[in-house]
Amino acid sequence: MKLQSKDFWRPIIGLIALQPLTIIWCMMFNISYFENLGVFSIICTIYLIPVYAWYERHCEAIEDTKPVGWPY
């Protein structure tokens, strides 16, 4: 499975977009961002790169085989 640009950038943009909410969450519950959620967010982002790649290929394969609608 070859990674495309969108497979790489989608989780990175998602990580950036979620950081304000994550920081607010940490402030509300007095959680250290860097000791807890910061590292976890980065690990999740790296994990999601191949997951998004697989998902995109899977959806494309389903759309190619189904005449109308997805996936029903």
C-alpha atoms as a PDB file:
ATOM      1  CA  MET A   1       0.000   0.000   0.000  1.00  0.00           C
ATOM      2  CA  LYS A   2       1.516   3.261  -1.114  1.00  0.00           C
ATOM      3  CA  LEU A   3       0.976   6.313   1.060  1.00  0.00           C
ATOM      4  CA  GLN A   4      -0.346   9.397  -0.657  1.00  0.00           C
ATOM      5  CA  SER A   5       0.079  12.984   0.437  1.00  0.00           C
ATOM      6  CA  LYS A   6      -3.442  13.149   1.895  1.00  0.00           C
ATOM      7  CA  ASP A   7      -2.782  10.021   3.982  1.00  0.00           C
ATOM      8  CA  PHE A   8       0.146  11.755   5.629  1.00  0.00           C
ATOM      9  CA  TRP A   9      -1.234  15.260   6.020  1.00  0.00           C
ATOM     10  CA  ARG A  10      -4.797  14.457   7.177  1.00  0.00           C
ATOM     11  CA  PRO A  11      -3.777  13.219  10.661  1.00  0.00           C
ATOM     12  CA  ILE A  12      -1.186  15.995  10.981  1.00  0.00           C
ATOM     13  CA  ILE A  13      -3.813  18.671  10.239  1.00  0.00           C
ATOM     14  CA  GLY A  14      -6.202  16.885  12.626  1.00  0.00           C
ATOM     15  CA  LEU A  15      -3.543  16.963  15.339  1.00  0.00           C
ATOM     16  CA  ILE A  16      -3.033  20.690  14.863  1.00  0.00           C
ATOM     17  CA  ALA A  17      -6.785  21.370  14.772  1.00  0.00           C
ATOM     18  CA  LEU A  18      -7.410  19.460  18.021  1.00  0.00           C
ATOM     19  CA  GLN A  19      -4.647  21.069  20.068  1.00  0.00           C
ATOM     20  CA  PRO A  20      -6.669  24.067  21.295  1.00  0.00           C
ATOM     21  CA  LEU A  21      -9.363  21.697  22.605  1.00  0.00           C
ATOM     22  CA  THR A  22      -6.744  19.431  24.148  1.00  0.00           C
ATOM     23  CA  ILE A  23      -5.048  22.334  25.916  1.00  0.00           C
ATOM     24  CA  ILE A  24      -8.385  23.612  27.231  1.00  0.00           C
ATOM     25  CA  TRP A  25      -9.196  20.090  28.465  1.00  0.00           C
ATOM     26  CA  CYS A  26      -5.871  19.921  30.288  1.00  0.00           C
ATOM     27  CA  MET A  27      -6.445  23.314  31.889  1.00  0.00           C
ATOM     28  CA  MET A  28     -10.000  22.416  32.966  1.00  0.00           C
ATOM     29  CA  PHE A  29      -8.920  19.193  34.654  1.00  0.00           C
ATOM     30  CA  ASN A  30      -5.479  20.353  35.790  1.00  0.00           C
ATOM     31  CA  ILE A  31      -3.677  17.771  33.667  1.00  0.00           C
ATOM     32  CA  SER A  32      -0.115  18.301  32.506  1.00  0.00           C
ATOM     33  CA  TYR A  33      -0.320  18.561  28.709  1.00  0.00           C
ATOM     34  CA  PHE A  34       3.260  17.466  27.987  1.00  0.00           C
ATOM     35  CA  GLU A  35       3.286  14.607  30.478  1.00  0.00           C
ATOM     36  CA  ASN A  36      -0.004  13.135  29.277  1.00  0.00           C
ATOM     37  CA  LEU A  37      -1.901  14.225  26.206  1.00  0.00           C
ATOM     38  CA  GLY A  38       0.851  15.920  24.196  1.00  0.00           C
ATOM     39  CA  VAL A  39       2.932  12.789  23.684  1.00  0.00           C
ATOM     40  CA  PHE A  40      -0.191  10.647  23.311  1.00  0.00           C
ATOM     41  CA  SER A  41      -1.482  12.961  20.554  1.00  0.00           C
ATOM     42  CA  ILE A  42       1.755  12.627  18.608  1.00  0.00           C
ATOM     43  CA  ILE A  43       1.797   8.838  18.953  1.00  0.00           C
ATOM     44  CA  CYS A  44      -1.846   8.661  17.811  1.00  0.00           C
ATOM     45  CA  THR A  45      -1.077  10.853  14.814  1.00  0.00           C
ATOM     46  CA  ILE A  46       1.763   8.590  13.707  1.00  0.00           C
ATOM     47  CA  TYR A  47      -0.483   5.561  14.197  1.00  0.00           C
ATOM     48  CA  LEU A  48      -3.287   7.133  12.146  1.00  0.00           C
ATOM     49  CA  ILE A  49      -1.177   7.718   9.026  1.00  0.00           C
ATOM     50  CA  PRO A  50      -1.354   4.079   7.823  1.00  0.00           C
ATOM     51  CA  VAL A  51      -4.898   3.714   9.188  1.00  0.00           C
ATOM     52  CA  TYR A  52      -6.091   6.602   7.007  1.00  0.00           C
ATOM     53  CA  ALA A  53      -4.235   5.158   4.027  1.00  0.00           C
ATOM     54  CA  TRP A  54      -5.949   1.792   4.472  1.00  0.00           C
ATOM     55  CA  TYR A  55      -9.337   3.423   5.019  1.00  0.00           C
ATOM     56  CA  GLU A  56      -9.072   5.535   1.871  1.00  0.00           C
ATOM     57  CA  ARG A  57      -8.155   2.501  -0.266  1.00  0.00           C
ATOM     58  CA  HIS A  58     -10.927   0.445   1.328  1.00  0.00           C
ATOM     59  CA  CYS A  59     -13.536   3.141   0.611  1.00  0.00           C
ATOM     60  CA  GLU A  60     -12.324   3.523  -2.954  1.00  0.00           C
ATOM     61  CA  ALA A  61     -12.623  -0.240  -3.470  1.00  0.00           C
ATOM     62  CA  ILE A  62     -16.167  -0.271  -2.080  1.00  0.00           C
ATOM     63  CA  GLU A  63     -17.207   2.711  -4.194  1.00  0.00           C
ATOM     64  CA  ASP A  64     -15.850   0.984  -7.308  1.00  0.00           C
ATOM     65  CA  THR A  65     -17.965  -2.126  -6.678  1.00  0.00           C
ATOM     66  CA  LYS A  66     -21.226  -0.535  -5.504  1.00  0.00           C
ATOM     67  CA  PRO A  67     -23.466   0.985  -8.165  1.00  0.00           C
ATOM     68  CA  VAL A  68     -25.178   3.515  -5.865  1.00  0.00           C
ATOM     69  CA  GLY A  69     -24.466   4.761  -2.356  1.00  0.00           C
ATOM     70  CA  TRP A  70     -21.838   3.835   0.169  1.00  0.00           C
ATOM     71  CA  PRO A  71     -21.581   1.224   1.627  1.00  0.00           C
ATOM     72  CA  TYR A  72     -25.231   0.162   1.567  1.00  0.00           C
END
